[in-house]
Amino acid sequence: ENIAKISGFEVVRSRPVGYFPLHLFGLGTFLNRFLQAMPLLRWFGF
């Protein structure tokens, strides 16, 4: 946010992505969606 501001930009959205790196027949999709919605754990996407 600070670097963006002094460079003439604004961070309008920052979304963590990727918590479980394998699809595993849909299990990865479920875990990635679930963890992305968790208040604290969501910031630990890769």
All heavy atoms as atom14 arrays in JSON, in Angstrom:
{
  "sequence": "ENIAKISGFEVVRSRPVGYFPLHLFGLGTFLNRFLQAMPLLRWFGF",
  "atom14_mask": [
    [1, 1, 1, 1, 1, 1, 1, 1, 1, 0, 0, 0, 0, 0],
    [1, 1, 1, 1, 1, 1, 1, 1, 0, 0, 0, 0, 0, 0],
    [1, 1, 1, 1, 1, 1, 1, 1, 0, 0, 0, 0, 0, 0],
    [1, 1, 1, 1, 1, 0, 0, 0, 0, 0, 0, 0, 0, 0],
    [1, 1, 1, 1, 1, 1, 1, 1, 1, 0, 0, 0, 0, 0],
    [1, 1, 1, 1, 1, 1, 1, 1, 0, 0, 0, 0, 0, 0],
    [1, 1, 1, 1, 1, 1, 0, 0, 0, 0, 0, 0, 0, 0],
    [1, 1, 1, 1, 0, 0, 0, 0, 0, 0, 0, 0, 0, 0],
    [1, 1, 1, 1, 1, 1, 1, 1, 1, 1, 1, 0, 0, 0],
    [1, 1, 1, 1, 1, 1, 1, 1, 1, 0, 0, 0, 0, 0],
    [1, 1, 1, 1, 1, 1, 1, 0, 0, 0, 0, 0, 0, 0],
    [1, 1, 1, 1, 1, 1, 1, 0, 0, 0, 0, 0, 0, 0],
    [1, 1, 1, 1, 1, 1, 1, 1, 1, 1, 1, 0, 0, 0],
    [1, 1, 1, 1, 1, 1, 0, 0, 0, 0, 0, 0, 0, 0],
    [1, 1, 1, 1, 1, 1, 1, 1, 1, 1, 1, 0, 0, 0],
    [1, 1, 1, 1, 1, 1, 1, 0, 0, 0, 0, 0, 0, 0],
    [1, 1, 1, 1, 1, 1, 1, 0, 0, 0, 0, 0, 0, 0],
    [1, 1, 1, 1, 0, 0, 0, 0, 0, 0, 0, 0, 0, 0],
    [1, 1, 1, 1, 1, 1, 1, 1, 1, 1, 1, 1, 0, 0],
    [1, 1, 1, 1, 1, 1, 1, 1, 1, 1, 1, 0, 0, 0],
    [1, 1, 1, 1, 1, 1, 1, 0, 0, 0, 0, 0, 0, 0],
    [1, 1, 1, 1, 1, 1, 1, 1, 0, 0, 0, 0, 0, 0],
    [1, 1, 1, 1, 1, 1, 1, 1, 1, 1, 0, 0, 0, 0],
    [1, 1, 1, 1, 1, 1, 1, 1, 0, 0, 0, 0, 0, 0],
    [1, 1, 1, 1, 1, 1, 1, 1, 1, 1, 1, 0, 0, 0],
    [1, 1, 1, 1, 0, 0, 0, 0, 0, 0, 0, 0, 0, 0],
    [1, 1, 1, 1, 1, 1, 1, 1, 0, 0, 0, 0, 0, 0],
    [1, 1, 1, 1, 0, 0, 0, 0, 0, 0, 0, 0, 0, 0],
    [1, 1, 1, 1, 1, 1, 1, 0, 0, 0, 0, 0, 0, 0],
    [1, 1, 1, 1, 1, 1, 1, 1, 1, 1, 1, 0, 0, 0],
    [1, 1, 1, 1, 1, 1, 1, 1, 0, 0, 0, 0, 0, 0],
    [1, 1, 1, 1, 1, 1, 1, 1, 0, 0, 0, 0, 0, 0],
    [1, 1, 1, 1, 1, 1, 1, 1, 1, 1, 1, 0, 0, 0],
    [1, 1, 1, 1, 1, 1, 1, 1, 1, 1, 1, 0, 0, 0],
    [1, 1, 1, 1, 1, 1, 1, 1, 0, 0, 0, 0, 0, 0],
    [1, 1, 1, 1, 1, 1, 1, 1, 1, 0, 0, 0, 0, 0],
    [1, 1, 1, 1, 1, 0, 0, 0, 0, 0, 0, 0, 0, 0],
    [1, 1, 1, 1, 1, 1, 1, 1, 0, 0, 0, 0, 0, 0],
    [1, 1, 1, 1, 1, 1, 1, 0, 0, 0, 0, 0, 0, 0],
    [1, 1, 1, 1, 1, 1, 1, 1, 0, 0, 0, 0, 0, 0],
    [1, 1, 1, 1, 1, 1, 1, 1, 0, 0, 0, 0, 0, 0],
    [1, 1, 1, 1, 1, 1, 1, 1, 1, 1, 1, 0, 0, 0],
    [1, 1, 1, 1, 1, 1, 1, 1, 1, 1, 1, 1, 1, 1],
    [1, 1, 1, 1, 1, 1, 1, 1, 1, 1, 1, 0, 0, 0],
    [1, 1, 1, 1, 0, 0, 0, 0, 0, 0, 0, 0, 0, 0],
    [1, 1, 1, 1, 1, 1, 1, 1, 1, 1, 1, 0, 0, 0]
  ],
  "atom14_positions": [
    [[0.83, -1.21, 0.0], [0.0, 0.0, 0.0], [0.86, 1.26, 0.0], [0.56, 2.23, -0.7], [-0.94, -0.02, 1.21], [-2.01, -1.11, 1.11], [-2.81, -1.25, 2.39], [-2.49, -0.52, 3.38], [-3.73, -2.09, 2.43], [0.0, 0.0, 0.0], [0.0, 0.0, 0.0], [0.0, 0.0, 0.0], [0.0, 0.0, 0.0], [0.0, 0.0, 0.0]],
    [[1.95, 1.24, 0.78], [2.82, 2.42, 0.87], [3.57, 2.66, -0.44], [3.66, 3.8, -0.92], [3.82, 2.25, 2.02], [3.16, 2.38, 3.38], [2.09, 2.99, 3.52], [3.77, 1.79, 4.4], [0.0, 0.0, 0.0], [0.0, 0.0, 0.0], [0.0, 0.0, 0.0], [0.0, 0.0, 0.0], [0.0, 0.0, 0.0], [0.0, 0.0, 0.0]],
    [[4.12, 1.58, -1.02], [4.86, 1.72, -2.29], [3.92, 2.16, -3.4], [4.26, 3.01, -4.23], [5.56, 0.4, -2.65], [6.69, 0.11, -1.66], [6.12, 0.45, -4.07], [7.35, -1.23, -1.84], [0.0, 0.0, 0.0], [0.0, 0.0, 0.0], [0.0, 0.0, 0.0], [0.0, 0.0, 0.0], [0.0, 0.0, 0.0], [0.0, 0.0, 0.0]],
    [[2.72, 1.6, -3.41], [1.73, 1.99, -4.42], [1.41, 3.48, -4.3], [1.36, 4.2, -5.3], [0.47, 1.16, -4.27], [0.0, 0.0, 0.0], [0.0, 0.0, 0.0], [0.0, 0.0, 0.0], [0.0, 0.0, 0.0], [0.0, 0.0, 0.0], [0.0, 0.0, 0.0], [0.0, 0.0, 0.0], [0.0, 0.0, 0.0], [0.0, 0.0, 0.0]],
    [[1.23, 3.95, -3.09], [0.84, 5.34, -2.86], [1.92, 6.31, -3.34], [1.61, 7.29, -4.04], [0.57, 5.56, -1.37], [0.05, 6.95, -1.05], [-0.3, 7.07, 0.43], [-0.86, 8.46, 0.74], [-1.21, 8.59, 2.18], [0.0, 0.0, 0.0], [0.0, 0.0, 0.0], [0.0, 0.0, 0.0], [0.0, 0.0, 0.0], [0.0, 0.0, 0.0]],
    [[3.18, 6.05, -3.0], [4.25, 6.97, -3.4], [4.58, 6.84, -4.9], [5.27, 7.69, -5.46], [5.54, 6.76, -2.56], [6.1, 5.36, -2.76], [5.27, 7.04, -1.1], [7.4, 5.13, -2.0], [0.0, 0.0, 0.0], [0.0, 0.0, 0.0], [0.0, 0.0, 0.0], [0.0, 0.0, 0.0], [0.0, 0.0, 0.0], [0.0, 0.0, 0.0]],
    [[4.07, 5.78, -5.53], [4.29, 5.59, -6.97], [3.13, 6.11, -7.81], [3.15, 6.01, -9.04], [4.5, 4.1, -7.28], [5.56, 3.56, -6.52], [0.0, 0.0, 0.0], [0.0, 0.0, 0.0], [0.0, 0.0, 0.0], [0.0, 0.0, 0.0], [0.0, 0.0, 0.0], [0.0, 0.0, 0.0], [0.0, 0.0, 0.0], [0.0, 0.0, 0.0]],
    [[2.1, 6.63, -7.13], [0.95, 7.17, -7.86], [-0.13, 6.15, -8.14], [-0.91, 6.33, -9.08], [0.0, 0.0, 0.0], [0.0, 0.0, 0.0], [0.0, 0.0, 0.0], [0.0, 0.0, 0.0], [0.0, 0.0, 0.0], [0.0, 0.0, 0.0], [0.0, 0.0, 0.0], [0.0, 0.0, 0.0], [0.0, 0.0, 0.0], [0.0, 0.0, 0.0]],
    [[-0.19, 5.11, -7.31], [-1.22, 4.08, -7.47], [-1.97, 3.89, -6.15], [-1.52, 4.32, -5.09], [-0.6, 2.74, -7.87], [-0.24, 2.62, -9.32], [0.99, 3.09, -9.78], [-1.11, 2.02, -10.23], [1.34, 2.98, -11.12], [-0.77, 1.91, -11.56], [0.46, 2.39, -12.01], [0.0, 0.0, 0.0], [0.0, 0.0, 0.0], [0.0, 0.0, 0.0]],
    [[-3.09, 3.21, -6.26], [-3.86, 2.82, -5.09], [-4.2, 1.33, -5.19], [-4.61, 0.86, -6.25], [-5.16, 3.62, -5.01], [-6.07, 3.22, -3.86], [-7.44, 3.89, -3.92], [-7.73, 4.53, -4.95], [-8.21, 3.73, -2.96], [0.0, 0.0, 0.0], [0.0, 0.0, 0.0], [0.0, 0.0, 0.0], [0.0, 0.0, 0.0], [0.0, 0.0, 0.0]],
    [[-3.97, 0.59, -4.1], [-4.36, -0.82, -4.07], [-5.86, -0.88, -3.85], [-6.37, -0.5, -2.79], [-3.63, -1.58, -2.95], [-4.15, -3.03, -2.86], [-2.12, -1.59, -3.18], [0.0, 0.0, 0.0], [0.0, 0.0, 0.0], [0.0, 0.0, 0.0], [0.0, 0.0, 0.0], [0.0, 0.0, 0.0], [0.0, 0.0, 0.0], [0.0, 0.0, 0.0]],
    [[-6.6, -1.33, -4.86], [-8.05, -1.38, -4.75], [-8.56, -2.76, -4.35], [-9.7, -2.9, -3.91], [-8.73, -0.94, -6.07], [-8.44, 0.53, -6.34], [-8.28, -1.79, -7.24], [0.0, 0.0, 0.0], [0.0, 0.0, 0.0], [0.0, 0.0, 0.0], [0.0, 0.0, 0.0], [0.0, 0.0, 0.0], [0.0, 0.0, 0.0], [0.0, 0.0, 0.0]],
    [[-7.69, -3.76, -4.51], [-8.09, -5.11, -4.1], [-6.85, -5.97, -3.94], [-5.92, -5.9, -4.75], [-9.02, -5.72, -5.13], [-9.55, -7.11, -4.76], [-10.53, -7.59, -5.81], [-11.03, -8.92, -5.53], [-11.88, -9.58, -6.31], [-12.32, -9.01, -7.42], [-12.28, -10.8, -6.01], [0.0, 0.0, 0.0], [0.0, 0.0, 0.0], [0.0, 0.0, 0.0]],
    [[-6.83, -6.77, -2.89], [-5.73, -7.71, -2.67], [-6.33, -9.0, -2.16], [-6.87, -9.04, -1.05], [-4.73, -7.13, -1.66], [-3.63, -7.99, -1.5], [0.0, 0.0, 0.0], [0.0, 0.0, 0.0], [0.0, 0.0, 0.0], [0.0, 0.0, 0.0], [0.0, 0.0, 0.0], [0.0, 0.0, 0.0], [0.0, 0.0, 0.0], [0.0, 0.0, 0.0]],
    [[-6.23, -10.05, -2.97], [-6.93, -11.3, -2.64], [-5.95, -12.47, -2.64], [-5.37, -12.81, -3.67], [-8.04, -11.54, -3.66], [-9.02, -12.64, -3.28], [-10.19, -12.6, -4.24], [-11.1, -13.72, -4.07], [-12.11, -13.73, -3.21], [-12.33, -12.69, -2.44], [-12.91, -14.79, -3.12], [0.0, 0.0, 0.0], [0.0, 0.0, 0.0], [0.0, 0.0, 0.0]],
    [[-5.76, -13.1, -1.48], [-4.88, -14.28, -1.41], [-5.47, -15.45, -2.19], [-6.68, -15.65, -2.2], [-4.83, -14.6, 0.1], [-5.3, -13.36, 0.78], [-6.28, -12.73, -0.16], [0.0, 0.0, 0.0], [0.0, 0.0, 0.0], [0.0, 0.0, 0.0], [0.0, 0.0, 0.0], [0.0, 0.0, 0.0], [0.0, 0.0, 0.0], [0.0, 0.0, 0.0]],
    [[-4.58, -16.22, -2.82], [-5.01, -17.34, -3.65], [-4.05, -18.51, -3.46], [-2.84, -18.31, -3.36], [-5.02, -16.95, -5.15], [-5.31, -18.16, -6.03], [-6.03, -15.85, -5.43], [0.0, 0.0, 0.0], [0.0, 0.0, 0.0], [0.0, 0.0, 0.0], [0.0, 0.0, 0.0], [0.0, 0.0, 0.0], [0.0, 0.0, 0.0], [0.0, 0.0, 0.0]],
    [[-4.59, -19.73, -3.41], [-3.75, -20.92, -3.43], [-3.29, -21.39, -2.06], [-2.24, -20.97, -1.59], [0.0, 0.0, 0.0], [0.0, 0.0, 0.0], [0.0, 0.0, 0.0], [0.0, 0.0, 0.0], [0.0, 0.0, 0.0], [0.0, 0.0, 0.0], [0.0, 0.0, 0.0], [0.0, 0.0, 0.0], [0.0, 0.0, 0.0], [0.0, 0.0, 0.0]],
    [[-4.06, -22.26, -1.44], [-3.71, -22.79, -0.13], [-3.31, -24.26, -0.22], [-2.46, -24.73, 0.52], [-4.89, -22.64, 0.84], [-5.38, -21.22, 0.94], [-6.3, -20.71, 0.03], [-4.88, -20.37, 1.92], [-6.73, -19.39, 0.1], [-5.3, -19.06, 2.0], [-6.22, -18.58, 1.09], [-6.63, -17.27, 1.16], [0.0, 0.0, 0.0], [0.0, 0.0, 0.0]],
    [[-3.96, -24.95, -1.13], [-3.66, -26.36, -1.35], [-3.31, -26.52, -2.82], [-4.11, -26.19, -3.69], [-4.89, -27.21, -0.99], [-4.6, -28.69, -0.92], [-3.97, -29.23, 0.19], [-4.95, -29.53, -1.97], [-3.7, -30.59, 0.26], [-4.68, -30.89, -1.91], [-4.05, -31.42, -0.79], [0.0, 0.0, 0.0], [0.0, 0.0, 0.0], [0.0, 0.0, 0.0]],
    [[-2.1, -27.03, -3.13], [-1.59, -26.95, -4.5], [-2.02, -28.05, -5.46], [-1.6, -28.05, -6.61], [-0.07, -27.01, -4.28], [0.07, -27.88, -3.07], [-1.1, -27.53, -2.19], [0.0, 0.0, 0.0], [0.0, 0.0, 0.0], [0.0, 0.0, 0.0], [0.0, 0.0, 0.0], [0.0, 0.0, 0.0], [0.0, 0.0, 0.0], [0.0, 0.0, 0.0]],
    [[-2.85, -28.98, -5.01], [-3.25, -30.09, -5.87], [-4.77, -30.17, -5.97], [-5.48, -29.87, -5.02], [-2.7, -31.42, -5.32], [-1.18, -31.52, -5.2], [-0.8, -32.79, -4.48], [-0.52, -31.46, -6.56], [0.0, 0.0, 0.0], [0.0, 0.0, 0.0], [0.0, 0.0, 0.0], [0.0, 0.0, 0.0], [0.0, 0.0, 0.0], [0.0, 0.0, 0.0]],
    [[-5.26, -30.6, -7.13], [-6.7, -30.67, -7.34], [-7.32, -31.82, -6.55], [-8.33, -31.65, -5.86], [-7.0, -30.84, -8.83], [-8.44, -30.7, -9.17], [-9.32, -31.75, -9.11], [-9.16, -29.61, -9.55], [-10.53, -31.33, -9.46], [-10.46, -30.04, -9.73], [0.0, 0.0, 0.0], [0.0, 0.0, 0.0], [0.0, 0.0, 0.0], [0.0, 0.0, 0.0]],
    [[-6.71, -33.0, -6.66], [-7.16, -34.2, -5.93], [-8.66, -34.44, -6.03], [-9.38, -34.54, -5.03], [-6.73, -34.14, -4.46], [-5.24, -34.31, -4.17], [-4.97, -34.31, -2.68], [-4.71, -35.6, -4.8], [0.0, 0.0, 0.0], [0.0, 0.0, 0.0], [0.0, 0.0, 0.0], [0.0, 0.0, 0.0], [0.0, 0.0, 0.0], [0.0, 0.0, 0.0]],
    [[-9.15, -34.52, -7.26], [-10.54, -34.86, -7.54], [-11.54, -33.93, -6.85], [-12.61, -34.35, -6.4], [-10.82, -36.31, -7.13], [-9.86, -37.29, -7.71], [-8.85, -37.83, -6.93], [-9.93, -37.66, -9.05], [-7.94, -38.73, -7.47], [-9.02, -38.55, -9.59], [-8.02, -39.09, -8.8], [0.0, 0.0, 0.0], [0.0, 0.0, 0.0], [0.0, 0.0, 0.0]],
    [[-11.18, -32.65, -6.77], [-12.1, -31.66, -6.21], [-11.82, -31.29, -4.77], [-12.33, -30.27, -4.28], [0.0, 0.0, 0.0], [0.0, 0.0, 0.0], [0.0, 0.0, 0.0], [0.0, 0.0, 0.0], [0.0, 0.0, 0.0], [0.0, 0.0, 0.0], [0.0, 0.0, 0.0], [0.0, 0.0, 0.0], [0.0, 0.0, 0.0], [0.0, 0.0, 0.0]],
    [[-11.01, -32.1, -4.06], [-10.7, -31.78, -2.67], [-9.94, -30.46, -2.57], [-10.22, -29.63, -1.69], [-9.87, -32.9, -2.04], [-9.4, -32.65, -0.59], [-10.59, -32.48, 0.34], [-8.5, -33.79, -0.11], [0.0, 0.0, 0.0], [0.0, 0.0, 0.0], [0.0, 0.0, 0.0], [0.0, 0.0, 0.0], [0.0, 0.0, 0.0], [0.0, 0.0, 0.0]],
    [[-9.0, -30.25, -3.48], [-8.23, -29.01, -3.48], [-9.11, -27.8, -3.71], [-8.94, -26.76, -3.08], [0.0, 0.0, 0.0], [0.0, 0.0, 0.0], [0.0, 0.0, 0.0], [0.0, 0.0, 0.0], [0.0, 0.0, 0.0], [0.0, 0.0, 0.0], [0.0, 0.0, 0.0], [0.0, 0.0, 0.0], [0.0, 0.0, 0.0], [0.0, 0.0, 0.0]],
    [[-10.08, -27.93, -4.61], [-11.0, -26.82, -4.88], [-11.79, -26.46, -3.63], [-11.95, -25.28, -3.3], [-11.97, -27.21, -6.01], [-11.22, -27.53, -7.18], [-12.93, -26.06, -6.32], [0.0, 0.0, 0.0], [0.0, 0.0, 0.0], [0.0, 0.0, 0.0], [0.0, 0.0, 0.0], [0.0, 0.0, 0.0], [0.0, 0.0, 0.0], [0.0, 0.0, 0.0]],
    [[-12.28, -27.49, -2.93], [-13.04, -27.25, -1.69], [-12.17, -26.56, -0.64], [-12.58, -25.56, -0.03], [-13.58, -28.57, -1.14], [-14.12, -28.45, 0.26], [-15.36, -27.88, 0.49], [-13.37, -28.89, 1.35], [-15.86, -27.76, 1.78], [-13.85, -28.76, 2.64], [-15.11, -28.19, 2.86], [0.0, 0.0, 0.0], [0.0, 0.0, 0.0], [0.0, 0.0, 0.0]],
    [[-10.95, -27.06, -0.43], [-10.06, -26.49, 0.59], [-9.67, -25.06, 0.24], [-9.62, -24.2, 1.13], [-8.81, -27.36, 0.73], [-9.01, -28.72, 1.4], [-7.72, -29.54, 1.35], [-9.47, -28.56, 2.84], [0.0, 0.0, 0.0], [0.0, 0.0, 0.0], [0.0, 0.0, 0.0], [0.0, 0.0, 0.0], [0.0, 0.0, 0.0], [0.0, 0.0, 0.0]],
    [[-9.4, -24.8, -1.03], [-9.01, -23.45, -1.42], [-10.14, -22.45, -1.22], [-9.91, -21.33, -0.77], [-8.53, -23.45, -2.88], [-7.11, -23.96, -3.01], [-6.18, -23.43, -2.43], [-6.94, -25.03, -3.78], [0.0, 0.0, 0.0], [0.0, 0.0, 0.0], [0.0, 0.0, 0.0], [0.0, 0.0, 0.0], [0.0, 0.0, 0.0], [0.0, 0.0, 0.0]],
    [[-11.35, -22.85, -1.52], [-12.5, -21.96, -1.31], [-12.78, -21.77, 0.18], [-13.09, -20.65, 0.62], [-13.73, -22.52, -2.02], [-13.67, -22.42, -3.54], [-14.89, -23.05, -4.18], [-14.85, -22.93, -5.63], [-15.7, -23.53, -6.46], [-16.68, -24.27, -5.95], [-15.59, -23.36, -7.76], [0.0, 0.0, 0.0], [0.0, 0.0, 0.0], [0.0, 0.0, 0.0]],
    [[-12.66, -22.84, 0.93], [-12.95, -22.78, 2.37], [-11.93, -21.9, 3.09], [-12.3, -21.0, 3.85], [-12.93, -24.2, 2.95], [-13.08, -24.24, 4.45], [-14.32, -24.02, 5.04], [-11.98, -24.47, 5.26], [-14.46, -24.04, 6.43], [-12.11, -24.51, 6.64], [-13.36, -24.29, 7.23], [0.0, 0.0, 0.0], [0.0, 0.0, 0.0], [0.0, 0.0, 0.0]],
    [[-10.63, -22.12, 2.82], [-9.58, -21.36, 3.51], [-9.56, -19.9, 3.1], [-9.22, -19.02, 3.89], [-8.22, -22.01, 3.24], [-8.03, -23.39, 3.88], [-6.75, -24.04, 3.37], [-8.0, -23.29, 5.4], [0.0, 0.0, 0.0], [0.0, 0.0, 0.0], [0.0, 0.0, 0.0], [0.0, 0.0, 0.0], [0.0, 0.0, 0.0], [0.0, 0.0, 0.0]],
    [[-9.96, -19.64, 1.86], [-10.0, -18.25, 1.38], [-11.05, -17.44, 2.12], [-10.95, -16.21, 2.21], [-10.28, -18.23, -0.12], [-10.01, -16.9, -0.8], [-10.19, -16.97, -2.29], [-11.2, -17.47, -2.78], [-9.22, -16.49, -3.04], [0.0, 0.0, 0.0], [0.0, 0.0, 0.0], [0.0, 0.0, 0.0], [0.0, 0.0, 0.0], [0.0, 0.0, 0.0]],
    [[-12.04, -18.12, 2.68], [-13.13, -17.44, 3.39], [-12.87, -17.3, 4.89], [-13.62, -16.6, 5.58], [-14.44, -18.19, 3.16], [0.0, 0.0, 0.0], [0.0, 0.0, 0.0], [0.0, 0.0, 0.0], [0.0, 0.0, 0.0], [0.0, 0.0, 0.0], [0.0, 0.0, 0.0], [0.0, 0.0, 0.0], [0.0, 0.0, 0.0], [0.0, 0.0, 0.0]],
    [[-11.81, -17.93, 5.4], [-11.52, -17.88, 6.82], [-10.8, -16.57, 7.17], [-9.81, -16.21, 6.51], [-10.67, -19.07, 7.24], [-11.33, -20.42, 6.99], [-12.85, -20.62, 7.96], [-12.17, -20.79, 9.61], [0.0, 0.0, 0.0], [0.0, 0.0, 0.0], [0.0, 0.0, 0.0], [0.0, 0.0, 0.0], [0.0, 0.0, 0.0], [0.0, 0.0, 0.0]],
    [[-11.26, -15.86, 8.2], [-10.73, -14.53, 8.52], [-9.21, -14.44, 8.7], [-8.59, -13.53, 8.19], [-11.45, -14.19, 9.83], [-12.72, -14.97, 9.76], [-12.36, -16.25, 9.07], [0.0, 0.0, 0.0], [0.0, 0.0, 0.0], [0.0, 0.0, 0.0], [0.0, 0.0, 0.0], [0.0, 0.0, 0.0], [0.0, 0.0, 0.0], [0.0, 0.0, 0.0]],
    [[-8.58, -15.35, 9.4], [-7.14, -15.29, 9.64], [-6.35, -16.15, 8.67], [-5.32, -15.73, 8.12], [-6.82, -15.7, 11.08], [-7.35, -14.76, 12.17], [-7.03, -15.31, 13.55], [-6.76, -13.36, 12.02], [0.0, 0.0, 0.0], [0.0, 0.0, 0.0], [0.0, 0.0, 0.0], [0.0, 0.0, 0.0], [0.0, 0.0, 0.0], [0.0, 0.0, 0.0]],
    [[-6.82, -17.36, 8.43], [-6.1, -18.29, 7.57], [-6.03, -17.82, 6.12], [-5.15, -18.24, 5.38], [-6.75, -19.68, 7.64], [-6.7, -20.39, 8.99], [-7.45, -21.72, 8.91], [-5.25, -20.63, 9.41], [0.0, 0.0, 0.0], [0.0, 0.0, 0.0], [0.0, 0.0, 0.0], [0.0, 0.0, 0.0], [0.0, 0.0, 0.0], [0.0, 0.0, 0.0]],
    [[-6.96, -16.96, 5.71], [-7.01, -16.52, 4.32], [-5.73, -15.8, 3.88], [-5.45, -15.73, 2.69], [-8.22, -15.63, 4.09], [-8.17, -14.28, 4.79], [-9.49, -13.52, 4.59], [-9.77, -13.3, 3.18], [-9.41, -12.21, 2.51], [-8.76, -11.24, 3.12], [-9.71, -12.08, 1.23], [0.0, 0.0, 0.0], [0.0, 0.0, 0.0], [0.0, 0.0, 0.0]],
    [[-4.96, -15.26, 4.82], [-3.76, -14.52, 4.47], [-2.55, -15.42, 4.24], [-1.44, -14.93, 4.02], [-3.45, -13.47, 5.53], [-4.5, -12.41, 5.56], [-5.46, -12.21, 6.5], [-4.73, -11.41, 4.54], [-6.27, -11.16, 6.16], [-5.84, -10.65, 4.97], [-4.11, -11.08, 3.34], [-6.34, -9.58, 4.22], [-4.6, -10.02, 2.6], [-5.7, -9.29, 3.04]],
    [[-2.76, -16.75, 4.3], [-1.65, -17.67, 4.12], [-1.7, -18.39, 2.78], [-1.14, -19.47, 2.62], [-1.62, -18.69, 5.27], [-1.18, -18.07, 6.58], [-2.1, -17.55, 7.46], [0.17, -18.0, 6.89], [-1.7, -16.96, 8.65], [0.58, -17.42, 8.08], [-0.35, -16.9, 8.97], [0.0, 0.0, 0.0], [0.0, 0.0, 0.0], [0.0, 0.0, 0.0]],
    [[-2.36, -17.8, 1.8], [-2.29, -18.32, 0.44], [-0.89, -18.14, -0.1], [-0.13, -17.27, 0.35], [0.0, 0.0, 0.0], [0.0, 0.0, 0.0], [0.0, 0.0, 0.0], [0.0, 0.0, 0.0], [0.0, 0.0, 0.0], [0.0, 0.0, 0.0], [0.0, 0.0, 0.0], [0.0, 0.0, 0.0], [0.0, 0.0, 0.0], [0.0, 0.0, 0.0]],
    [[-0.51, -18.95, -1.1], [0.87, -18.9, -1.57], [1.17, -17.6, -2.32], [2.32, -17.18, -2.44], [1.19, -20.13, -2.43], [1.05, -19.92, -3.91], [2.17, -19.69, -4.7], [-0.2, -19.97, -4.53], [2.04, -19.5, -6.06], [-0.33, -19.78, -5.89], [0.8, -19.54, -6.66], [0.0, 0.0, 0.0], [0.0, 0.0, 0.0], [0.0, 0.0, 0.0]]
  ]
}
